Amino acid sequence: MKLLDEIIDLAVDNSGPLSVLLRKCLLLAHTLKNQRLRTWAEKELDGYDETDELPEYRRVGAIAKGHFFGPFQAQLKNQPLPPSVLESEHRRFATEVWLTQPIAAYDREMGKKGTPIIEWPT
């Protein structure tokens, strides 16, 4: 099957955007009438809602860092923020990131130089 070969080639090549690979998976799901594959590919392409169960691979460990400003223009940039200084209900923001956005958002972020920055929710 040509479509499956294209999907395998894209997965192994790792040079193109993941969104292209996922759209081909969506086409394969439609061809095979596989609802589970279709639902997964759609969630990856469109992002996950807060009511959706987030796959384990979209939960990653992280180190929180912050910029601190003091008197007389004193600054500390990129200082690690220990989870213990946060309220217990906010500590997870300093230890893990839930990647709920569409995969294209992360394709763009990974294409930039340096460490990806993911803002905390307000």
PDB file of N, CA and C in Angstrom:
ATOM      1  N   MET A   1       0.845  -1.174   0.000  1.00  0.00           N
ATOM      2  CA  MET A   1       0.000   0.000   0.000  1.00  0.00           C
ATOM      3  C   MET A   1       0.894   1.241   0.000  1.00  0.00           C
ATOM      4  N   LYS A   2       0.731   2.064  -1.002  1.00  0.00           N
ATOM      5  CA  LYS A   2       1.591   3.230  -1.197  1.00  0.00           C
ATOM      6  C   LYS A   2       1.491   4.221  -0.032  1.00  0.00           C
ATOM      7  N   LEU A   3       0.291   4.464   0.465  1.00  0.00           N
ATOM      8  CA  LEU A   3       0.094   5.417   1.557  1.00  0.00           C
ATOM      9  C   LEU A   3       0.840   4.991   2.810  1.00  0.00           C
ATOM     10  N   LEU A   4       0.773   3.711   3.123  1.00  0.00           N
ATOM     11  CA  LEU A   4       1.486   3.195   4.294  1.00  0.00           C
ATOM     12  C   LEU A   4       2.996   3.343   4.112  1.00  0.00           C
ATOM     13  N   ASP A   5       3.486   3.082   2.911  1.00  0.00           N
ATOM     14  CA  ASP A   5       4.916   3.282   2.635  1.00  0.00           C
ATOM     15  C   ASP A   5       5.324   4.741   2.834  1.00  0.00           C
ATOM     16  N   GLU A   6       4.473   5.678   2.405  1.00  0.00           N
ATOM     17  CA  GLU A   6       4.757   7.106   2.592  1.00  0.00           C
ATOM     18  C   GLU A   6       4.804   7.467   4.077  1.00  0.00           C
ATOM     19  N   ILE A   7       3.884   6.914   4.847  1.00  0.00           N
ATOM     20  CA  ILE A   7       3.859   7.168   6.288  1.00  0.00           C
ATOM     21  C   ILE A   7       5.132   6.651   6.943  1.00  0.00           C
ATOM     22  N   ILE A   8       5.536   5.457   6.571  1.00  0.00           N
ATOM     23  CA  ILE A   8       6.763   4.877   7.128  1.00  0.00           C
ATOM     24  C   ILE A   8       7.970   5.716   6.740  1.00  0.00           C
ATOM     25  N   ASP A   9       8.043   6.129   5.484  1.00  0.00           N
ATOM     26  CA  ASP A   9       9.162   6.957   5.033  1.00  0.00           C
ATOM     27  C   ASP A   9       9.225   8.275   5.800  1.00  0.00           C
ATOM     28  N   LEU A  10       8.074   8.926   5.990  1.00  0.00           N
ATOM     29  CA  LEU A  10       8.040  10.185   6.732  1.00  0.00           C
ATOM     30  C   LEU A  10       8.446   9.983   8.200  1.00  0.00           C
ATOM     31  N   ALA A  11       8.009   8.874   8.782  1.00  0.00           N
ATOM     32  CA  ALA A  11       8.335   8.609  10.185  1.00  0.00           C
ATOM     33  C   ALA A  11       9.824   8.343  10.366  1.00  0.00           C
ATOM     34  N   VAL A  12      10.433   7.664   9.429  1.00  0.00           N
ATOM     35  CA  VAL A  12      11.854   7.334   9.525  1.00  0.00           C
ATOM     36  C   VAL A  12      12.720   8.524   9.144  1.00  0.00           C
ATOM     37  N   ASP A  13      12.281   9.313   8.154  1.00  0.00           N
ATOM     38  CA  ASP A  13      13.068  10.439   7.647  1.00  0.00           C
ATOM     39  C   ASP A  13      13.264  11.523   8.703  1.00  0.00           C
ATOM     40  N   ASN A  14      12.224  11.858   9.438  1.00  0.00           N
ATOM     41  CA  ASN A  14      12.292  12.804  10.548  1.00  0.00           C
ATOM     42  C   ASN A  14      12.712  14.210  10.126  1.00  0.00           C
ATOM     43  N   SER A  15      12.618  14.553   8.839  1.00  0.00           N
ATOM     44  CA  SER A  15      13.014  15.894   8.415  1.00  0.00           C
ATOM     45  C   SER A  15      11.808  16.786   8.146  1.00  0.00           C
ATOM     46  N   GLY A  16      10.657  16.193   7.885  1.00  0.00           N
ATOM     47  CA  GLY A  16       9.461  16.975   7.605  1.00  0.00           C
ATOM     48  C   GLY A  16       8.642  17.209   8.861  1.00  0.00           C
ATOM     49  N   PRO A  17       7.662  18.102   8.766  1.00  0.00           N
ATOM     50  CA  PRO A  17       6.809  18.376   9.927  1.00  0.00           C
ATOM     51  C   PRO A  17       5.922  17.180  10.279  1.00  0.00           C
ATOM     52  N   LEU A  18       5.695  17.002  11.555  1.00  0.00           N
ATOM     53  CA  LEU A  18       4.846  15.911  12.015  1.00  0.00           C
ATOM     54  C   LEU A  18       3.409  16.064  11.525  1.00  0.00           C
ATOM     55  N   SER A  19       2.978  17.283  11.295  1.00  0.00           N
ATOM     56  CA  SER A  19       1.602  17.491  10.852  1.00  0.00           C
ATOM     57  C   SER A  19       1.344  16.830   9.501  1.00  0.00           C
ATOM     58  N   VAL A  20       2.329  16.793   8.627  1.00  0.00           N
ATOM     59  CA  VAL A  20       2.173  16.119   7.333  1.00  0.00           C
ATOM     60  C   VAL A  20       1.997  14.620   7.557  1.00  0.00           C
ATOM     61  N   LEU A  21       2.814  14.056   8.413  1.00  0.00           N
ATOM     62  CA  LEU A  21       2.716  12.631   8.746  1.00  0.00           C
ATOM     63  C   LEU A  21       1.346  12.308   9.331  1.00  0.00           C
ATOM     64  N   LEU A  22       0.862  13.158  10.229  1.00  0.00           N
ATOM     65  CA  LEU A  22      -0.430  12.914  10.870  1.00  0.00           C
ATOM     66  C   LEU A  22      -1.590  13.041   9.887  1.00  0.00           C
ATOM     67  N   ARG A  23      -1.486  13.961   8.931  1.00  0.00           N
ATOM     68  CA  ARG A  23      -2.550  14.065   7.916  1.00  0.00           C
ATOM     69  C   ARG A  23      -2.601  12.809   7.058  1.00  0.00           C
ATOM     70  N   LYS A  24      -1.451  12.229   6.788  1.00  0.00           N
ATOM     71  CA  LYS A  24      -1.429  10.965   6.033  1.00  0.00           C
ATOM     72  C   LYS A  24      -2.019   9.835   6.886  1.00  0.00           C
ATOM     73  N   CYS A  25      -1.768   9.874   8.192  1.00  0.00           N
ATOM     74  CA  CYS A  25      -2.382   8.882   9.089  1.00  0.00           C
ATOM     75  C   CYS A  25      -3.902   9.042   9.097  1.00  0.00           C
ATOM     76  N   LEU A  26      -4.365  10.275   9.037  1.00  0.00           N
ATOM     77  CA  LEU A  26      -5.798  10.539   8.978  1.00  0.00           C
ATOM     78  C   LEU A  26      -6.404   9.982   7.691  1.00  0.00           C
ATOM     79  N   LEU A  27      -5.693  10.144   6.598  1.00  0.00           N
ATOM     80  CA  LEU A  27      -6.143   9.583   5.319  1.00  0.00           C
ATOM     81  C   LEU A  27      -6.162   8.054   5.381  1.00  0.00           C
ATOM     82  N   LEU A  28      -5.151   7.466   5.994  1.00  0.00           N
ATOM     83  CA  LEU A  28      -5.111   6.010   6.157  1.00  0.00           C
ATOM     84  C   LEU A  28      -6.275   5.533   7.020  1.00  0.00           C
ATOM     85  N   ALA A  29      -6.576   6.252   8.081  1.00  0.00           N
ATOM     86  CA  ALA A  29      -7.700   5.886   8.955  1.00  0.00           C
ATOM     87  C   ALA A  29      -9.014   5.914   8.185  1.00  0.00           C
ATOM     88  N   HIS A  30      -9.173   6.907   7.331  1.00  0.00           N
ATOM     89  CA  HIS A  30     -10.386   6.993   6.516  1.00  0.00           C
ATOM     90  C   HIS A  30     -10.457   5.819   5.534  1.00  0.00           C
ATOM     91  N   THR A  31      -9.328   5.504   4.907  1.00  0.00           N
ATOM     92  CA  THR A  31      -9.283   4.396   3.947  1.00  0.00           C
ATOM     93  C   THR A  31      -9.606   3.065   4.620  1.00  0.00           C
ATOM     94  N   LEU A  32      -9.049   2.854   5.823  1.00  0.00           N
ATOM     95  CA  LEU A  32      -9.247   1.599   6.556  1.00  0.00           C
ATOM     96  C   LEU A  32     -10.517   1.587   7.386  1.00  0.00           C
ATOM     97  N   LYS A  33     -11.198   2.754   7.446  1.00  0.00           N
ATOM     98  CA  LYS A  33     -12.387   2.908   8.299  1.00  0.00           C
ATOM     99  C   LYS A  33     -12.057   2.559   9.757  1.00  0.00           C
ATOM    100  N   ASN A  34     -10.911   3.088  10.217  1.00  0.00           N
ATOM    101  CA  ASN A  34     -10.442   2.839  11.571  1.00  0.00           C
ATOM    102  C   ASN A  34     -10.700   4.089  12.412  1.00  0.00           C
ATOM    103  N   GLN A  35     -11.763   4.053  13.224  1.00  0.00           N
ATOM    104  CA  GLN A  35     -12.173   5.219  14.016  1.00  0.00           C
ATOM    105  C   GLN A  35     -11.136   5.568  15.089  1.00  0.00           C
ATOM    106  N   ARG A  36     -10.508   4.577  15.680  1.00  0.00           N
ATOM    107  CA  ARG A  36      -9.518   4.840  16.733  1.00  0.00           C
ATOM    108  C   ARG A  36      -8.314   5.622  16.174  1.00  0.00           C
ATOM    109  N   LEU A  37      -7.806   5.212  15.017  1.00  0.00           N
ATOM    110  CA  LEU A  37      -6.697   5.919  14.384  1.00  0.00           C
ATOM    111  C   LEU A  37      -7.132   7.325  13.969  1.00  0.00           C
ATOM    112  N   ARG A  38      -8.343   7.437  13.464  1.00  0.00           N
ATOM    113  CA  ARG A  38      -8.857   8.741  13.043  1.00  0.00           C
ATOM    114  C   ARG A  38      -8.959   9.703  14.229  1.00  0.00           C
ATOM    115  N   THR A  39      -9.527   9.239  15.328  1.00  0.00           N
ATOM    116  CA  THR A  39      -9.677  10.082  16.523  1.00  0.00           C
ATOM    117  C   THR A  39      -8.319  10.523  17.040  1.00  0.00           C
ATOM    118  N   TRP A  40      -7.363   9.598  17.112  1.00  0.00           N
ATOM    119  CA  TRP A  40      -6.017   9.932  17.596  1.00  0.00           C
ATOM    120  C   TRP A  40      -5.356  10.980  16.696  1.00  0.00           C
ATOM    121  N   ALA A  41      -5.391  10.769  15.380  1.00  0.00           N
ATOM    122  CA  ALA A  41      -4.755  11.704  14.447  1.00  0.00           C
ATOM    123  C   ALA A  41      -5.413  13.081  14.518  1.00  0.00           C
ATOM    124  N   GLU A  42      -6.734  13.119  14.649  1.00  0.00           N
ATOM    125  CA  GLU A  42      -7.432  14.401  14.761  1.00  0.00           C
ATOM    126  C   GLU A  42      -7.032  15.141  16.031  1.00  0.00           C
ATOM    127  N   LYS A  43      -6.928  14.416  17.142  1.00  0.00           N
ATOM    128  CA  LYS A  43      -6.516  15.045  18.410  1.00  0.00           C
ATOM    129  C   LYS A  43      -5.093  15.578  18.303  1.00  0.00           C
ATOM    130  N   GLU A  44      -4.211  14.833  17.670  1.00  0.00           N
ATOM    131  CA  GLU A  44      -2.834  15.289  17.518  1.00  0.00           C
ATOM    132  C   GLU A  44      -2.757  16.530  16.627  1.00  0.00           C
ATOM    133  N   LEU A  45      -3.564  16.563  15.591  1.00  0.00           N
ATOM    134  CA  LEU A  45      -3.558  17.701  14.667  1.00  0.00           C
ATOM    135  C   LEU A  45      -4.269  18.927  15.238  1.00  0.00           C
ATOM    136  N   ASP A  46      -5.371  18.715  15.956  1.00  0.00           N
ATOM    137  CA  ASP A  46      -6.189  19.829  16.442  1.00  0.00           C
ATOM    138  C   ASP A  46      -5.887  20.223  17.881  1.00  0.00           C
ATOM    139  N   GLY A  47      -5.192  19.371  18.617  1.00  0.00           N
ATOM    140  CA  GLY A  47      -4.924  19.630  20.024  1.00  0.00           C
ATOM    141  C   GLY A  47      -5.939  18.925  20.911  1.00  0.00           C
ATOM    142  N   TYR A  48      -5.607  18.853  22.182  1.00  0.00           N
ATOM    143  CA  TYR A  48      -6.442  18.170  23.162  1.00  0.00           C
ATOM    144  C   TYR A  48      -7.181  19.189  24.019  1.00  0.00           C
ATOM    145  N   ASP A  49      -8.452  18.906  24.309  1.00  0.00           N
ATOM    146  CA  ASP A  49      -9.238  19.735  25.221  1.00  0.00           C
ATOM    147  C   ASP A  49      -8.897  19.340  26.652  1.00  0.00           C
ATOM    148  N   GLU A  50      -9.292  20.183  27.582  1.00  0.00           N
ATOM    149  CA  GLU A  50      -9.037  19.844  28.985  1.00  0.00           C
ATOM    150  C   GLU A  50      -9.881  18.662  29.449  1.00  0.00           C
ATOM    151  N   THR A  51     -10.929  18.321  28.700  1.00  0.00           N
ATOM    152  CA  THR A  51     -11.756  17.163  29.061  1.00  0.00           C
ATOM    153  C   THR A  51     -11.192  15.856  28.495  1.00  0.00           C
ATOM    154  N   ASP A  52     -10.244  15.955  27.551  1.00  0.00           N
ATOM    155  CA  ASP A  52      -9.656  14.768  26.939  1.00  0.00           C
ATOM    156  C   ASP A  52      -8.608  14.157  27.861  1.00  0.00           C
ATOM    157  N   GLU A  53      -8.460  12.849  27.760  1.00  0.00           N
ATOM    158  CA  GLU A  53      -7.373  12.190  28.481  1.00  0.00           C
ATOM    159  C   GLU A  53      -6.096  12.395  27.654  1.00  0.00           C
ATOM    160  N   LEU A  54      -5.123  13.036  28.262  1.00  0.00           N
ATOM    161  CA  LEU A  54      -3.884  13.361  27.569  1.00  0.00           C
ATOM    162  C   LEU A  54      -2.962  12.147  27.564  1.00  0.00           C
ATOM    163  N   PRO A  55      -2.473  11.744  26.381  1.00  0.00           N
ATOM    164  CA  PRO A  55      -1.547  10.596  26.336  1.00  0.00           C
ATOM    165  C   PRO A  55      -0.283  10.869  27.153  1.00  0.00           C
ATOM    166  N   GLU A  56       0.291   9.830  27.680  1.00  0.00           N
ATOM    167  CA  GLU A  56       1.479   9.933  28.536  1.00  0.00           C
ATOM    168  C   GLU A  56       2.637  10.632  27.822  1.00  0.00           C
ATOM    169  N   TYR A  57       2.806  10.397  26.523  1.00  0.00           N
ATOM    170  CA  TYR A  57       3.918  11.007  25.795  1.00  0.00           C
ATOM    171  C   TYR A  57       3.755  12.514  25.630  1.00  0.00           C
ATOM    172  N   ARG A  58       2.592  13.051  25.945  1.00  0.00           N
ATOM    173  CA  ARG A  58       2.385  14.496  25.887  1.00  0.00           C
ATOM    174  C   ARG A  58       2.521  15.143  27.264  1.00  0.00           C
ATOM    175  N   ARG A  59       3.001  14.399  28.235  1.00  0.00           N
ATOM    176  CA  ARG A  59       3.325  14.927  29.563  1.00  0.00           C
ATOM    177  C   ARG A  59       4.830  14.768  29.742  1.00  0.00           C
ATOM    178  N   VAL A  60       5.527  15.874  29.808  1.00  0.00           N
ATOM    179  CA  VAL A  60       6.983  15.807  29.877  1.00  0.00           C
ATOM    180  C   VAL A  60       7.495  16.541  31.114  1.00  0.00           C
ATOM    181  N   GLY A  61       8.617  16.072  31.616  1.00  0.00           N
ATOM    182  CA  GLY A  61       9.257  16.725  32.748  1.00  0.00           C
ATOM    183  C   GLY A  61       9.827  18.071  32.326  1.00  0.00           C
ATOM    184  N   ALA A  62       9.863  18.981  33.265  1.00  0.00           N
ATOM    185  CA  ALA A  62      10.365  20.318  32.953  1.00  0.00           C
ATOM    186  C   ALA A  62      11.001  20.950  34.182  1.00  0.00           C
ATOM    187  N   ILE A  63      11.821  21.933  33.932  1.00  0.00           N
ATOM    188  CA  ILE A  63      12.407  22.729  35.005  1.00  0.00           C
ATOM    189  C   ILE A  63      11.887  24.141  34.834  1.00  0.00           C
ATOM    190  N   ALA A  64      11.231  24.654  35.865  1.00  0.00           N
ATOM    191  CA  ALA A  64      10.702  26.016  35.800  1.00  0.00           C
ATOM    192  C   ALA A  64      11.822  27.005  36.082  1.00  0.00           C
ATOM    193  N   LYS A  65      11.833  28.052  35.284  1.00  0.00           N
ATOM    194  CA  LYS A  65      12.800  29.126  35.481  1.00  0.00           C
ATOM    195  C   LYS A  65      12.064  30.444  35.410  1.00  0.00           C
ATOM    196  N   GLY A  66      12.627  31.451  36.069  1.00  0.00           N
ATOM    197  CA  GLY A  66      11.982  32.752  36.059  1.00  0.00           C
ATOM    198  C   GLY A  66      12.983  33.884  36.069  1.00  0.00           C
ATOM    199  N   HIS A  67      12.473  35.059  35.768  1.00  0.00           N
ATOM    200  CA  HIS A  67      13.261  36.289  35.840  1.00  0.00           C
ATOM    201  C   HIS A  67      12.769  37.042  37.074  1.00  0.00           C
ATOM    202  N   PHE A  68      13.692  37.470  37.914  1.00  0.00           N
ATOM    203  CA  PHE A  68      13.346  38.158  39.142  1.00  0.00           C
ATOM    204  C   PHE A  68      13.966  39.553  39.126  1.00  0.00           C
ATOM    205  N   PHE A  69      13.179  40.539  39.539  1.00  0.00           N
ATOM    206  CA  PHE A  69      13.626  41.922  39.522  1.00  0.00           C
ATOM    207  C   PHE A  69      13.574  42.479  40.932  1.00  0.00           C
ATOM    208  N   GLY A  70      14.584  43.243  41.277  1.00  0.00           N
ATOM    209  CA  GLY A  70      14.664  43.839  42.600  1.00  0.00           C
ATOM    210  C   GLY A  70      14.939  45.320  42.527  1.00  0.00           C
ATOM    211  N   PRO A  71      15.267  45.888  43.672  1.00  0.00           N
ATOM    212  CA  PRO A  71      15.526  47.325  43.695  1.00  0.00           C
ATOM    213  C   PRO A  71      16.811  47.680  42.950  1.00  0.00           C
ATOM    214  N   PHE A  72      16.881  48.935  42.528  1.00  0.00           N
ATOM    215  CA  PHE A  72      18.062  49.468  41.837  1.00  0.00           C
ATOM    216  C   PHE A  72      18.389  48.679  40.565  1.00  0.00           C
ATOM    217  N   GLN A  73      17.364  48.251  39.868  1.00  0.00           N
ATOM    218  CA  GLN A  73      17.470  47.519  38.609  1.00  0.00           C
ATOM    219  C   GLN A  73      18.205  46.182  38.733  1.00  0.00           C
ATOM    220  N   ALA A  74      18.189  45.619  39.917  1.00  0.00           N
ATOM    221  CA  ALA A  74      18.795  44.299  40.119  1.00  0.00           C
ATOM    222  C   ALA A  74      17.944  43.243  39.407  1.00  0.00           C
ATOM    223  N   GLN A  75      18.614  42.258  38.800  1.00  0.00           N
ATOM    224  CA  GLN A  75      17.912  41.214  38.060  1.00  0.00           C
ATOM    225  C   GLN A  75      18.601  39.871  38.249  1.00  0.00           C
ATOM    226  N   LEU A  76      17.805  38.843  38.268  1.00  0.00           N
ATOM    227  CA  LEU A  76      18.291  37.460  38.161  1.00  0.00           C
ATOM    228  C   LEU A  76      17.518  36.843  37.014  1.00  0.00           C
ATOM    229  N   LYS A  77      18.221  36.417  35.972  1.00  0.00           N
ATOM    230  CA  LYS A  77      17.549  35.844  34.810  1.00  0.00           C
ATOM    231  C   LYS A  77      17.757  34.335  34.772  1.00  0.00           C
ATOM    232  N   ASN A  78      16.729  33.650  34.300  1.00  0.00           N
ATOM    233  CA  ASN A  78      16.764  32.193  34.138  1.00  0.00           C
ATOM    234  C   ASN A  78      17.122  31.459  35.424  1.00  0.00           C
ATOM    235  N   GLN A  79      16.603  31.925  36.537  1.00  0.00           N
ATOM    236  CA  GLN A  79      16.841  31.260  37.812  1.00  0.00           C
ATOM    237  C   GLN A  79      15.875  30.093  37.962  1.00  0.00           C
ATOM    238  N   PRO A  80      16.373  28.915  38.334  1.00  0.00           N
ATOM    239  CA  PRO A  80      15.463  27.791  38.581  1.00  0.00           C
ATOM    240  C   PRO A  80      14.495  28.131  39.708  1.00  0.00           C
ATOM    241  N   LEU A  81      13.276  27.675  39.552  1.00  0.00           N
ATOM    242  CA  LEU A  81      12.226  27.922  40.535  1.00  0.00           C
ATOM    243  C   LEU A  81      11.863  26.592  41.186  1.00  0.00           C
ATOM    244  N   PRO A  82      12.280  26.386  42.446  1.00  0.00           N
ATOM    245  CA  PRO A  82      11.974  25.106  43.096  1.00  0.00           C
ATOM    246  C   PRO A  82      10.467  24.954  43.321  1.00  0.00           C
ATOM    247  N   PRO A  83       9.928  23.776  43.050  1.00  0.00           N
ATOM    248  CA  PRO A  83       8.486  23.564  43.245  1.00  0.00           C
ATOM    249  C   PRO A  83       8.038  23.824  44.686  1.00  0.00           C
ATOM    250  N   SER A  84       8.920  23.642  45.642  1.00  0.00           N
ATOM    251  CA  SER A  84       8.545  23.785  47.048  1.00  0.00           C
ATOM    252  C   SER A  84       8.139  25.209  47.431  1.00  0.00           C
ATOM    253  N   VAL A  85       8.512  26.219  46.637  1.00  0.00           N
ATOM    254  CA  VAL A  85       8.132  27.594  46.965  1.00  0.00           C
ATOM    255  C   VAL A  85       6.737  27.942  46.450  1.00  0.00           C
ATOM    256  N   LEU A  86       6.131  27.030  45.714  1.00  0.00           N
ATOM    257  CA  LEU A  86       4.795  27.268  45.154  1.00  0.00           C
ATOM    258  C   LEU A  86       3.722  26.625  46.023  1.00  0.00           C
ATOM    259  N   GLU A  87       2.516  27.124  45.878  1.00  0.00           N
ATOM    260  CA  GLU A  87       1.373  26.478  46.527  1.00  0.00           C
ATOM    261  C   GLU A  87       1.244  25.054  45.971  1.00  0.00           C
ATOM    262  N   SER A  88       0.760  24.137  46.777  1.00  0.00           N
ATOM    263  CA  SER A  88       0.718  22.726  46.374  1.00  0.00           C
ATOM    264  C   SER A  88      -0.066  22.505  45.082  1.00  0.00           C
ATOM    265  N   GLU A  89      -1.145  23.277  44.851  1.00  0.00           N
ATOM    266  CA  GLU A  89      -1.932  23.071  43.627  1.00  0.00           C
ATOM    267  C   GLU A  89      -1.234  23.612  42.384  1.00  0.00           C
ATOM    268  N   HIS A  90      -0.156  24.376  42.552  1.00  0.00           N
ATOM    269  CA  HIS A  90       0.575  24.921  41.409  1.00  0.00           C
ATOM    270  C   HIS A  90       1.925  24.250  41.179  1.00  0.00           C
ATOM    271  N   ARG A  91       2.305  23.338  42.025  1.00  0.00           N
ATOM    272  CA  ARG A  91       3.642  22.739  41.927  1.00  0.00           C
ATOM    273  C   ARG A  91       3.877  21.970  40.643  1.00  0.00           C
ATOM    274  N   ARG A  92       2.838  21.409  40.075  1.00  0.00           N
ATOM    275  CA  ARG A  92       3.032  20.625  38.851  1.00  0.00           C
ATOM    276  C   ARG A  92       3.542  21.493  37.708  1.00  0.00           C
ATOM    277  N   PHE A  93       3.249  22.800  37.748  1.00  0.00           N
ATOM    278  CA  PHE A  93       3.741  23.700  36.692  1.00  0.00           C
ATOM    279  C   PHE A  93       5.266  23.811  36.716  1.00  0.00           C
ATOM    280  N   ALA A  94       5.877  23.531  37.858  1.00  0.00           N
ATOM    281  CA  ALA A  94       7.334  23.627  37.984  1.00  0.00           C
ATOM    282  C   ALA A  94       8.022  22.282  37.760  1.00  0.00           C
ATOM    283  N   THR A  95       7.253  21.235  37.492  1.00  0.00           N
ATOM    284  CA  THR A  95       7.861  19.914  37.318  1.00  0.00           C
ATOM    285  C   THR A  95       7.484  19.217  36.024  1.00  0.00           C
ATOM    286  N   GLU A  96       6.326  19.559  35.460  1.00  0.00           N
ATOM    287  CA  GLU A  96       5.916  18.896  34.220  1.00  0.00           C
ATOM    288  C   GLU A  96       5.117  19.843  33.332  1.00  0.00           C
ATOM    289  N   VAL A  97       5.121  19.538  32.050  1.00  0.00           N
ATOM    290  CA  VAL A  97       4.383  20.320  31.064  1.00  0.00           C
ATOM    291  C   VAL A  97       3.409  19.389  30.363  1.00  0.00           C
ATOM    292  N   TRP A  98       2.186  19.845  30.219  1.00  0.00           N
ATOM    293  CA  TRP A  98       1.177  19.102  29.464  1.00  0.00           C
ATOM    294  C   TRP A  98       1.083  19.738  28.090  1.00  0.00           C
ATOM    295  N   LEU A  99       1.443  19.000  27.078  1.00  0.00           N
ATOM    296  CA  LEU A  99       1.477  19.496  25.700  1.00  0.00           C
ATOM    297  C   LEU A  99       0.126  19.258  25.037  1.00  0.00           C
ATOM    298  N   THR A 100      -0.785  20.196  25.181  1.00  0.00           N
ATOM    299  CA  THR A 100      -2.162  20.034  24.694  1.00  0.00           C
ATOM    300  C   THR A 100      -2.414  20.717  23.356  1.00  0.00           C
ATOM    301  N   GLN A 101      -1.510  21.551  22.895  1.00  0.00           N
ATOM    302  CA  GLN A 101      -1.730  22.291  21.653  1.00  0.00           C
ATOM    303  C   GLN A 101      -1.588  21.371  20.436  1.00  0.00           C
ATOM    304  N   PRO A 102      -2.069  21.834  19.279  1.00  0.00           N
ATOM    305  CA  PRO A 102      -1.880  21.049  18.049  1.00  0.00           C
ATOM    306  C   PRO A 102      -0.390  20.826  17.787  1.00  0.00           C
ATOM    307  N   ILE A 103      -0.075  19.725  17.160  1.00  0.00           N
ATOM    308  CA  ILE A 103       1.327  19.347  16.938  1.00  0.00           C
ATOM    309  C   ILE A 103       2.083  20.410  16.137  1.00  0.00           C
ATOM    310  N   ALA A 104       1.397  21.148  15.283  1.00  0.00           N
ATOM    311  CA  ALA A 104       2.058  22.192  14.489  1.00  0.00           C
ATOM    312  C   ALA A 104       2.679  23.262  15.380  1.00  0.00           C
ATOM    313  N   ALA A 105       2.084  23.527  16.533  1.00  0.00           N
ATOM    314  CA  ALA A 105       2.635  24.521  17.458  1.00  0.00           C
ATOM    315  C   ALA A 105       4.008  24.074  17.958  1.00  0.00           C
ATOM    316  N   TYR A 106       4.184  22.786  18.167  1.00  0.00           N
ATOM    317  CA  TYR A 106       5.468  22.275  18.656  1.00  0.00           C
ATOM    318  C   TYR A 106       6.462  22.110  17.512  1.00  0.00           C
ATOM    319  N   ASP A 107       5.974  21.850  16.309  1.00  0.00           N
ATOM    320  CA  ASP A 107       6.862  21.819  15.142  1.00  0.00           C
ATOM    321  C   ASP A 107       7.569  23.157  14.992  1.00  0.00           C
ATOM    322  N   ARG A 108       6.799  24.235  15.117  1.00  0.00           N
ATOM    323  CA  ARG A 108       7.381  25.578  15.000  1.00  0.00           C
ATOM    324  C   ARG A 108       8.355  25.856  16.140  1.00  0.00           C
ATOM    325  N   GLU A 109       7.991  25.487  17.359  1.00  0.00           N
ATOM    326  CA  GLU A 109       8.824  25.760  18.535  1.00  0.00           C
ATOM    327  C   GLU A 109      10.132  24.985  18.470  1.00  0.00           C
ATOM    328  N   MET A 110      10.094  23.744  17.999  1.00  0.00           N
ATOM    329  CA  MET A 110      11.309  22.934  17.924  1.00  0.00           C
ATOM    330  C   MET A 110      12.221  23.387  16.795  1.00  0.00           C
ATOM    331  N   GLY A 111      11.665  24.115  15.818  1.00  0.00           N
ATOM    332  CA  GLY A 111      12.481  24.613  14.724  1.00  0.00           C
ATOM    333  C   GLY A 111      13.346  25.802  15.121  1.00  0.00           C
ATOM    334  N   LYS A 112      13.016  26.427  16.254  1.00  0.00           N
ATOM    335  CA  LYS A 112      13.791  27.574  16.721  1.00  0.00           C
ATOM    336  C   LYS A 112      15.047  27.099  17.431  1.00  0.00           C
ATOM    337  N   LYS A 113      16.034  27.974  17.486  1.00  0.00           N
ATOM    338  CA  LYS A 113      17.266  27.640  18.195  1.00  0.00           C
ATOM    339  C   LYS A 113      17.046  27.825  19.695  1.00  0.00           C
ATOM    340  N   GLY A 114      17.775  27.045  20.483  1.00  0.00           N
ATOM    341  CA  GLY A 114      17.687  27.178  21.930  1.00  0.00           C
ATOM    342  C   GLY A 114      16.650  26.252  22.533  1.00  0.00           C
ATOM    343  N   THR A 115      16.415  26.446  23.797  1.00  0.00           N
ATOM    344  CA  THR A 115      15.474  25.622  24.541  1.00  0.00           C
ATOM    345  C   THR A 115      14.057  26.138  24.335  1.00  0.00           C
ATOM    346  N   PRO A 116      13.108  25.252  24.056  1.00  0.00           N
ATOM    347  CA  PRO A 116      11.729  25.708  23.894  1.00  0.00           C
ATOM    348  C   PRO A 116      11.197  26.308  25.203  1.00  0.00           C
ATOM    349  N   ILE A 117      10.396  27.342  25.082  1.00  0.00           N
ATOM    350  CA  ILE A 117       9.792  27.997  26.235  1.00  0.00           C
ATOM    351  C   ILE A 117       8.298  27.793  26.157  1.00  0.00           C
ATOM    352  N   ILE A 118       7.741  27.278  27.226  1.00  0.00           N
ATOM    353  CA  ILE A 118       6.289  27.087  27.302  1.00  0.00           C
ATOM    354  C   ILE A 118       5.807  27.883  28.496  1.00  0.00           C
ATOM    355  N   GLU A 119       4.938  28.826  28.217  1.00  0.00           N
ATOM    356  CA  GLU A 119       4.423  29.722  29.260  1.00  0.00           C
ATOM    357  C   GLU A 119       3.467  28.979  30.177  1.00  0.00           C
ATOM    358  N   TRP A 120       3.423  29.389  31.429  1.00  0.00           N
ATOM    359  CA  TRP A 120       2.460  28.852  32.382  1.00  0.00           C
ATOM    360  C   TRP A 120       1.089  29.419  32.078  1.00  0.00           C
ATOM    361  N   PRO A 121       0.032  28.647  32.371  1.00  0.00           N
ATOM    362  CA  PRO A 121      -1.317  29.206  32.206  1.00  0.00           C
ATOM    363  C   PRO A 121      -1.535  30.343  33.221  1.00  0.00           C
ATOM    364  N   THR A 122      -2.376  31.292  32.855  1.00  0.00           N
ATOM    365  CA  THR A 122      -2.616  32.425  33.749  1.00  0.00           C
ATOM    366  C   THR A 122      -3.433  32.043  34.961  1.00  0.00           C
TER     367      THR A 122
END
